[in-house]
C-alpha atoms as a PDB file:
ATOM      1  CA  MET A   1     140.448 156.937  79.049  1.00  0.00           C
ATOM      2  CA  THR A   2     142.627 153.984  79.977  1.00  0.00           C
ATOM      3  CA  ASP A   3     143.720 151.710  77.126  1.00  0.00           C
ATOM      4  CA  GLN A   4     142.561 148.149  77.477  1.00  0.00           C
ATOM      5  CA  VAL A   5     145.367 145.649  77.840  1.00  0.00           C
ATOM      6  CA  THR A   6     144.947 142.147  76.486  1.00  0.00           C
ATOM      7  CA  PRO A   7     145.611 139.723  79.337  1.00  0.00           C
ATOM      8  CA  PRO A   8     148.476 137.292  78.760  1.00  0.00           C
ATOM      9  CA  ILE A   9     147.542 133.794  77.684  1.00  0.00           C
ATOM     10  CA  GLY A  10     147.772 131.372  80.582  1.00  0.00           C
ATOM     11  CA  LEU A  11     150.039 128.333  80.681  1.00  0.00           C
ATOM     12  CA  ARG A  12     147.116 125.931  80.285  1.00  0.00           C
ATOM     13  CA  GLN A  13     145.839 127.736  77.220  1.00  0.00           C
ATOM     14  CA  ARG A  14     149.323 127.805  75.675  1.00  0.00           C
ATOM     15  CA  LYS A  15     149.688 124.070  76.193  1.00  0.00           C
ATOM     16  CA  LYS A  16     146.309 123.463  74.567  1.00  0.00           C
ATOM     17  CA  GLN A  17     147.277 125.617  71.602  1.00  0.00           C
ATOM     18  CA  ARG A  18     150.575 123.767  71.218  1.00  0.00           C
ATOM     19  CA  THR A  19     148.758 120.440  71.218  1.00  0.00           C
ATOM     20  CA  ARG A  20     146.254 121.660  68.625  1.00  0.00           C
ATOM     21  CA  ASP A  21     149.041 123.005  66.413  1.00  0.00           C
ATOM     22  CA  ALA A  22     151.005 119.748  66.740  1.00  0.00           C
ATOM     23  CA  LEU A  23     147.946 117.714  65.733  1.00  0.00           C
ATOM     24  CA  THR A  24     147.364 119.998  62.764  1.00  0.00           C
ATOM     25  CA  ARG A  25     150.934 119.693  61.543  1.00  0.00           C
ATOM     26  CA  ALA A  26     151.046 115.929  62.039  1.00  0.00           C
ATOM     27  CA  ALA A  27     147.737 115.492  60.228  1.00  0.00           C
ATOM     28  CA  LEU A  28     148.756 117.578  57.226  1.00  0.00           C
ATOM     29  CA  GLU A  29     152.107 115.832  56.978  1.00  0.00           C
ATOM     30  CA  LEU A  30     150.418 112.431  56.991  1.00  0.00           C
ATOM     31  CA  PHE A  31     147.733 113.541  54.534  1.00  0.00           C
ATOM     32  CA  VAL A  32     150.246 114.759  51.949  1.00  0.00           C
ATOM     33  CA  GLU A  33     152.572 111.781  52.442  1.00  0.00           C
ATOM     34  CA  GLN A  34     150.133 108.890  52.380  1.00  0.00           C
ATOM     35  CA  GLY A  35     146.794 110.378  51.341  1.00  0.00           C
ATOM     36  CA  TYR A  36     143.797 111.684  53.223  1.00  0.00           C
ATOM     37  CA  GLU A  37     141.704 108.534  52.898  1.00  0.00           C
ATOM     38  CA  ASP A  38     144.561 106.286  53.995  1.00  0.00           C
ATOM     39  CA  THR A  39     145.327 108.275  57.152  1.00  0.00           C
ATOM     40  CA  THR A  40     143.520 107.415  60.379  1.00  0.00           C
ATOM     41  CA  VAL A  41     142.841 109.492  63.452  1.00  0.00           C
ATOM     42  CA  ASP A  42     144.858 106.969  65.461  1.00  0.00           C
ATOM     43  CA  GLU A  43     147.909 107.629  63.257  1.00  0.00           C
ATOM     44  CA  ILE A  44     147.587 111.377  63.736  1.00  0.00           C
ATOM     45  CA  ALA A  45     147.264 111.020  67.493  1.00  0.00           C
ATOM     46  CA  GLU A  46     150.169 108.580  67.647  1.00  0.00           C
ATOM     47  CA  ALA A  47     152.394 111.004  65.715  1.00  0.00           C
ATOM     48  CA  VAL A  48     151.879 113.570  68.496  1.00  0.00           C
ATOM     49  CA  ASP A  49     151.983 110.968  71.260  1.00  0.00           C
ATOM     50  CA  VAL A  50     148.450 111.647  72.464  1.00  0.00           C
ATOM     51  CA  SER A  51     145.320 109.512  72.657  1.00  0.00           C
ATOM     52  CA  GLN A  52     142.508 109.382  70.120  1.00  0.00           C
ATOM     53  CA  ARG A  53     140.315 110.912  72.798  1.00  0.00           C
ATOM     54  CA  THR A  54     142.657 113.899  72.966  1.00  0.00           C
ATOM     55  CA  PHE A  55     142.418 114.363  69.198  1.00  0.00           C
ATOM     56  CA  PHE A  56     138.632 114.586  69.432  1.00  0.00           C
ATOM     57  CA  ARG A  57     138.911 117.262  72.098  1.00  0.00           C
ATOM     58  CA  TYR A  58     140.357 119.536  69.430  1.00  0.00           C
ATOM     59  CA  PHE A  59     138.801 118.341  66.186  1.00  0.00           C
ATOM     60  CA  ALA A  60     135.488 116.700  65.381  1.00  0.00           C
ATOM     61  CA  ASN A  61     136.994 114.621  62.569  1.00  0.00           C
ATOM     62  CA  LYS A  62     139.763 114.433  59.950  1.00  0.00           C
ATOM     63  CA  GLU A  63     137.931 116.858  57.684  1.00  0.00           C
ATOM     64  CA  GLU A  64     138.040 119.592  60.286  1.00  0.00           C
ATOM     65  CA  VAL A  65     141.780 119.286  60.833  1.00  0.00           C
ATOM     66  CA  ALA A  66     142.407 119.169  57.070  1.00  0.00           C
ATOM     67  CA  PHE A  67     140.865 122.629  56.681  1.00  0.00           C
ATOM     68  CA  SER A  68     142.046 124.161  59.952  1.00  0.00           C
ATOM     69  CA  VAL A  69     144.865 126.250  58.451  1.00  0.00           C
ATOM     70  CA  GLN A  70     142.676 127.489  55.605  1.00  0.00           C
ATOM     71  CA  GLU A  71     140.015 128.440  58.124  1.00  0.00           C
ATOM     72  CA  LEU A  72     142.635 130.410  60.043  1.00  0.00           C
ATOM     73  CA  ALA A  73     143.646 132.356  56.918  1.00  0.00           C
ATOM     74  CA  GLU A  74     140.020 133.021  55.977  1.00  0.00           C
ATOM     75  CA  ALA A  75     139.310 134.411  59.432  1.00  0.00           C
ATOM     76  CA  TYR A  76     142.108 136.975  59.034  1.00  0.00           C
ATOM     77  CA  PHE A  77     140.814 138.028  55.629  1.00  0.00           C
ATOM     78  CA  TYR A  78     137.245 138.389  56.878  1.00  0.00           C
ATOM     79  CA  ALA A  79     138.435 140.443  59.848  1.00  0.00           C
ATOM     80  CA  ALA A  80     140.340 142.700  57.436  1.00  0.00           C
ATOM     81  CA  VAL A  81     137.132 143.315  55.450  1.00  0.00           C
ATOM     82  CA  LEU A  82     135.273 144.266  58.625  1.00  0.00           C
ATOM     83  CA  ASP A  83     138.038 146.739  59.410  1.00  0.00           C
ATOM     84  CA  ARG A  84     137.862 148.646  56.102  1.00  0.00           C
ATOM     85  CA  PRO A  85     136.587 152.260  56.175  1.00  0.00           C
ATOM     86  CA  ALA A  86     132.901 152.666  55.355  1.00  0.00           C
ATOM     87  CA  HIS A  87     133.580 155.138  52.523  1.00  0.00           C
ATOM     88  CA  GLU A  88     135.456 152.623  50.376  1.00  0.00           C
ATOM     89  CA  ALA A  89     133.658 151.135  47.388  1.00  0.00           C
ATOM     90  CA  PRO A  90     132.922 147.389  47.774  1.00  0.00           C
ATOM     91  CA  LEU A  91     135.552 146.141  45.315  1.00  0.00           C
ATOM     92  CA  VAL A  92     138.169 148.505  46.745  1.00  0.00           C
ATOM     93  CA  ALA A  93     137.379 147.294  50.288  1.00  0.00           C
ATOM     94  CA  LEU A  94     137.741 143.642  49.277  1.00  0.00           C
ATOM     95  CA  ARG A  95     140.948 144.238  47.397  1.00  0.00           C
ATOM     96  CA  ARG A  96     142.589 146.340  50.099  1.00  0.00           C
ATOM     97  CA  SER A  97     141.563 143.724  52.654  1.00  0.00           C
ATOM     98  CA  VAL A  98     143.575 141.147  50.753  1.00  0.00           C
ATOM     99  CA  SER A  99     146.627 143.405  50.700  1.00  0.00           C
ATOM    100  CA  ALA A 100     146.277 144.302  54.375  1.00  0.00           C
ATOM    101  CA  ALA A 101     145.771 140.733  55.582  1.00  0.00           C
ATOM    102  CA  TRP A 102     148.751 138.995  53.955  1.00  0.00           C
ATOM    103  CA  GLU A 103     151.318 139.858  56.610  1.00  0.00           C
ATOM    104  CA  SER A 104     149.064 138.698  59.449  1.00  0.00           C
ATOM    105  CA  ILE A 105     148.080 135.568  57.529  1.00  0.00           C
ATOM    106  CA  ASP A 106     151.728 134.749  56.826  1.00  0.00           C
ATOM    107  CA  GLU A 107     152.661 135.002  60.499  1.00  0.00           C
ATOM    108  CA  ALA A 108     149.592 133.064  61.668  1.00  0.00           C
ATOM    109  CA  ILE A 109     150.212 130.165  59.282  1.00  0.00           C
ATOM    110  CA  ARG A 110     153.919 129.960  60.111  1.00  0.00           C
ATOM    111  CA  GLU A 111     153.073 129.620  63.789  1.00  0.00           C
ATOM    112  CA  VAL A 112     151.220 126.387  62.968  1.00  0.00           C
ATOM    113  CA  VAL A 113     152.853 124.822  59.896  1.00  0.00           C
ATOM    114  CA  PRO A 114     155.569 125.647  57.355  1.00  0.00           C
ATOM    115  CA  LEU A 115     154.192 127.429  54.294  1.00  0.00           C
ATOM    116  CA  GLU A 116     155.523 124.667  52.052  1.00  0.00           C
ATOM    117  CA  LEU A 117     153.370 122.177  53.957  1.00  0.00           C
ATOM    118  CA  HIS A 118     150.367 124.470  53.636  1.00  0.00           C
ATOM    119  CA  MET A 119     150.914 124.576  49.866  1.00  0.00           C
ATOM    120  CA  ARG A 120     151.177 120.797  49.623  1.00  0.00           C
ATOM    121  CA  ALA A 121     148.058 120.409  51.757  1.00  0.00           C
ATOM    122  CA  TYR A 122     146.176 122.721  49.393  1.00  0.00           C
ATOM    123  CA  ARG A 123     147.220 120.527  46.469  1.00  0.00           C
ATOM    124  CA  MET A 124     146.090 117.465  48.408  1.00  0.00           C
ATOM    125  CA  ILE A 125     142.654 118.999  49.020  1.00  0.00           C
ATOM    126  CA  GLU A 126     142.285 119.897  45.338  1.00  0.00           C
ATOM    127  CA  SER A 127     143.131 116.338  44.296  1.00  0.00           C
ATOM    128  CA  THR A 128     140.991 114.495  46.867  1.00  0.00           C
ATOM    129  CA  PRO A 129     137.357 114.220  45.680  1.00  0.00           C
ATOM    130  CA  ALA A 130     135.855 114.030  49.167  1.00  0.00           C
ATOM    131  CA  LEU A 131     137.795 117.100  50.317  1.00  0.00           C
ATOM    132  CA  LEU A 132     137.275 119.026  47.090  1.00  0.00           C
ATOM    133  CA  ALA A 133     133.513 118.798  47.573  1.00  0.00           C
ATOM    134  CA  VAL A 134     133.885 120.165  51.100  1.00  0.00           C
ATOM    135  CA  HIS A 135     136.253 122.852  49.814  1.00  0.00           C
ATOM    136  CA  LEU A 136     133.665 124.078  47.306  1.00  0.00           C
ATOM    137  CA  ARG A 137     130.934 124.049  49.943  1.00  0.00           C
ATOM    138  CA  ARG A 138     133.068 126.025  52.372  1.00  0.00           C
ATOM    139  CA  ASN A 139     133.884 128.552  49.649  1.00  0.00           C
ATOM    140  CA  ALA A 140     130.181 129.029  48.985  1.00  0.00           C
ATOM    141  CA  GLU A 141     129.505 129.545  52.689  1.00  0.00           C
ATOM    142  CA  LEU A 142     132.373 132.031  52.994  1.00  0.00           C
ATOM    143  CA  GLU A 143     131.177 133.970  49.960  1.00  0.00           C
ATOM    144  CA  ALA A 144     127.706 134.166  51.494  1.00  0.00           C
ATOM    145  CA  ARG A 145     129.210 135.771  54.625  1.00  0.00           C
ATOM    146  CA  PHE A 146     131.138 138.280  52.541  1.00  0.00           C
ATOM    147  CA  ALA A 147     128.055 139.119  50.495  1.00  0.00           C
ATOM    148  CA  GLN A 148     126.132 139.774  53.696  1.00  0.00           C
ATOM    149  CA  GLU A 149     128.891 142.076  54.934  1.00  0.00           C
ATOM    150  CA  ILE A 150     129.041 143.990  51.622  1.00  0.00           C
ATOM    151  CA  ALA A 151     125.255 144.400  51.677  1.00  0.00           C
ATOM    152  CA  ARG A 152     125.449 145.693  55.254  1.00  0.00           C
ATOM    153  CA  ARG A 153     128.235 148.152  54.386  1.00  0.00           C
ATOM    154  CA  GLU A 154     126.319 149.498  51.406  1.00  0.00           C
ATOM    155  CA  GLY A 155     122.921 149.530  53.092  1.00  0.00           C
ATOM    156  CA  VAL A 156     121.250 147.337  50.481  1.00  0.00           C
ATOM    157  CA  ASP A 157     118.839 144.425  50.774  1.00  0.00           C
ATOM    158  CA  LEU A 158     120.740 141.265  49.894  1.00  0.00           C
ATOM    159  CA  GLU A 159     117.529 139.511  48.834  1.00  0.00           C
ATOM    160  CA  ALA A 160     116.495 142.320  46.492  1.00  0.00           C
ATOM    161  CA  ASP A 161     119.877 143.541  45.221  1.00  0.00           C
ATOM    162  CA  PRO A 162     122.087 140.947  43.455  1.00  0.00           C
ATOM    163  CA  ARG A 163     125.208 143.121  43.346  1.00  0.00           C
ATOM    164  CA  PRO A 164     126.814 141.947  46.620  1.00  0.00           C
ATOM    165  CA  ARG A 165     126.557 138.286  45.599  1.00  0.00           C
ATOM    166  CA  VAL A 166     127.723 138.968  42.033  1.00  0.00           C
ATOM    167  CA  LEU A 167     130.718 141.000  43.198  1.00  0.00           C
ATOM    168  CA  VAL A 168     131.784 138.476  45.829  1.00  0.00           C
ATOM    169  CA  ALA A 169     131.342 135.544  43.422  1.00  0.00           C
ATOM    170  CA  ALA A 170     133.607 137.211  40.849  1.00  0.00           C
ATOM    171  CA  PHE A 171     136.155 138.258  43.468  1.00  0.00           C
ATOM    172  CA  GLY A 172     136.136 134.828  45.103  1.00  0.00           C
ATOM    173  CA  GLY A 173     136.628 133.141  41.735  1.00  0.00           C
ATOM    174  CA  VAL A 174     139.756 135.179  41.096  1.00  0.00           C
ATOM    175  CA  MET A 175     141.083 134.332  44.550  1.00  0.00           C
ATOM    176  CA  ARG A 176     140.519 130.609  43.988  1.00  0.00           C
ATOM    177  CA  VAL A 177     142.231 130.625  40.599  1.00  0.00           C
ATOM    178  CA  ALA A 178     145.225 132.497  41.988  1.00  0.00           C
ATOM    179  CA  ALA A 179     145.486 130.094  44.940  1.00  0.00           C
ATOM    180  CA  LYS A 180     145.366 127.080  42.631  1.00  0.00           C
ATOM    181  CA  VAL A 181     148.078 128.464  40.338  1.00  0.00           C
ATOM    182  CA  TRP A 182     150.196 129.312  43.408  1.00  0.00           C
ATOM    183  CA  SER A 183     149.809 125.817  44.815  1.00  0.00           C
ATOM    184  CA  GLU A 184     150.976 124.307  41.521  1.00  0.00           C
ATOM    185  CA  GLY A 185     154.081 126.513  41.357  1.00  0.00           C
ATOM    186  CA  ASP A 186     157.493 126.283  42.962  1.00  0.00           C
ATOM    187  CA  ASP A 187     157.437 129.401  45.119  1.00  0.00           C
ATOM    188  CA  CYS A 188     155.562 128.723  48.363  1.00  0.00           C
ATOM    189  CA  THR A 189     156.054 132.163  49.872  1.00  0.00           C
ATOM    190  CA  VAL A 190     153.227 134.472  50.863  1.00  0.00           C
ATOM    191  CA  ALA A 191     154.884 137.147  48.709  1.00  0.00           C
ATOM    192  CA  ALA A 192     154.382 134.888  45.696  1.00  0.00           C
ATOM    193  CA  ILE A 193     150.676 134.317  46.271  1.00  0.00           C
ATOM    194  CA  ARG A 194     150.178 137.991  47.161  1.00  0.00           C
ATOM    195  CA  ASP A 195     151.767 139.168  43.909  1.00  0.00           C
ATOM    196  CA  LEU A 196     149.969 136.515  41.882  1.00  0.00           C
ATOM    197  CA  THR A 197     146.630 137.434  43.426  1.00  0.00           C
ATOM    198  CA  GLU A 198     147.212 141.114  42.738  1.00  0.00           C
ATOM    199  CA  SER A 199     148.048 140.407  39.102  1.00  0.00           C
ATOM    200  CA  TYR A 200     144.909 138.278  38.707  1.00  0.00           C
ATOM    201  CA  LEU A 201     142.700 140.876  40.381  1.00  0.00           C
ATOM    202  CA  ASP A 202     144.079 143.381  37.872  1.00  0.00           C
ATOM    203  CA  GLN A 203     142.381 141.292  35.192  1.00  0.00           C
ATOM    204  CA  LEU A 204     138.928 141.223  36.804  1.00  0.00           C
ATOM    205  CA  SER A 205     137.579 144.435  35.308  1.00  0.00           C
ATOM    206  CA  PRO A 206     138.943 143.985  31.749  1.00  0.00           C
ATOM    207  CA  ALA A 207     137.887 140.325  31.648  1.00  0.00           C
ATOM    208  CA  LEU A 208     134.315 141.351  32.395  1.00  0.00           C
ATOM    209  CA  ALA A 209     133.955 144.637  30.553  1.00  0.00           C
ATOM    210  CA  GLU A 210     136.650 145.248  27.953  1.00  0.00           C
ATOM    211  CA  ASP A 211     137.269 144.132  24.397  1.00  0.00           C
ATOM    212  CA  TRP A 212     139.799 141.315  24.695  1.00  0.00           C
ATOM    213  CA  HIS A 213     141.267 142.163  21.276  1.00  0.00           C
ATOM    214  CA  ARG A 214     142.433 145.590  22.439  1.00  0.00           C
ATOM    215  CA  PRO A 215     146.100 145.839  23.549  1.00  0.00           C
ATOM    216  CA  ARG A 216     146.554 145.833  27.322  1.00  0.00           C
ATOM    217  CA  PRO A 217     148.917 148.179  29.158  1.00  0.00           C
ATOM    218  CA  ALA A 218     151.900 146.582  30.868  1.00  0.00           C
ATOM    219  CA  ARG A 219     151.682 146.001  34.617  1.00  0.00           C
ATOM    220  CA  PRO A 220     154.047 148.299  36.565  1.00  0.00           C
ATOM    221  CA  SER A 221     157.314 146.481  37.265  1.00  0.00           C
ATOM    222  CA  SER A 222     157.715 148.112  40.661  1.00  0.00           C
ATOM    223  CA  PRO A 223     155.321 149.013  43.472  1.00  0.00           C
ATOM    224  CA  ASN A 224     156.879 152.486  43.327  1.00  0.00           C
ATOM    225  CA  THR A 225     155.703 153.056  39.757  1.00  0.00           C
ATOM    226  CA  PRO A 226     153.208 155.955  39.768  1.00  0.00           C
ATOM    227  CA  ASN A 227     149.567 155.059  39.278  1.00  0.00           C
ATOM    228  CA  PRO A 228     148.436 156.638  35.979  1.00  0.00           C
ATOM    229  CA  ASN A 229     145.034 157.256  37.520  1.00  0.00           C
ATOM    230  CA  PRO A 230     145.354 158.551  41.100  1.00  0.00           C
ATOM    231  CA  ASN A 231     141.600 158.182  41.632  1.00  0.00           C
ATOM    232  CA  SER A 232     141.429 154.603  40.444  1.00  0.00           C
ATOM    233  CA  HIS A 233     141.122 153.206  43.968  1.00  0.00           C
ATOM    234  CA  GLY A 234     138.618 155.722  45.180  1.00  0.00           C
ATOM    235  CA  ARG A 235     134.903 155.231  45.701  1.00  0.00           C
ATOM    236  CA  GLY A 236     132.910 155.361  42.498  1.00  0.00           C
ATOM    237  CA  HIS A 237     135.939 154.803  40.251  1.00  0.00           C
ATOM    238  CA  THR A 238     137.081 151.708  38.407  1.00  0.00           C
ATOM    239  CA  VAL A 239     140.176 149.996  39.800  1.00  0.00           C
ATOM    240  CA  THR A 240     143.134 150.491  37.471  1.00  0.00           C
ATOM    241  CA  VAL A 241     143.915 147.308  35.547  1.00  0.00           C
ATOM    242  CA  ALA A 242     147.001 145.995  33.805  1.00  0.00           C
ATOM    243  CA  GLY A 243     148.351 142.849  32.241  1.00  0.00           C
ATOM    244  CA  ALA A 244     150.352 140.022  33.819  1.00  0.00           C
ATOM    245  CA  ASP A 245     151.636 136.651  32.693  1.00  0.00           C
ATOM    246  CA  GLY A 246     150.059 134.912  35.689  1.00  0.00           C
ATOM    247  CA  VAL A 247     152.906 132.413  36.159  1.00  0.00           C
ATOM    248  CA  CYS A 248     154.045 131.532  39.684  1.00  0.00           C
ATOM    249  CA  ARG A 249     157.818 131.143  39.628  1.00  0.00           C
ATOM    250  CA  ALA A 250     160.476 130.505  42.229  1.00  0.00           C
END
């Protein structure tokens, strides 16, 4: 059987992608410098030396360009979930998808904007009421897609079984908290948000099920530290949990 070869992207398509990326970067830079509400489409187009008409060939409005990088990252994460083996338990599949997607997400974002700009844009979205409302709506829509996928994987009826929605809501909440703490820190690297997210996900199970007054075990200081429970990431087992200070530092 002959392997399929992805055809190279044509010159026209590359030029279109460069224009889209330039508009995205210019828009985010203007948004964080002078505010979303105070930035016009004309200013974004002028920064890239294109017409307003050209801007609207790529984006329907300012809102769409404001979330374009986040949408890119979300697409990689969703694709990683679809790629997980069917035997993995739902929480394990979600968690391993996060770990597997970071490298691809890092590279994809860097091809469009610097990570520091992405961080500042996230802060801008969180502090802009009109965008925050859209952000929350998009999160709800994304969680609905993930819940549908988890229900499909597990062969359950999403309308009759609440577990997919409950799991995804809890998981998504942890992801949002970690992203917010990351955006407020000084370290804008993907490694920082990856480690922070992992430490927060470690707290999901104990926060929901354990006695908070019981001492917590220390989180391993190195990824090479042996897992005290080798079956903790297997199907039907609880993910091993540990403590973390949750602070994003440079």
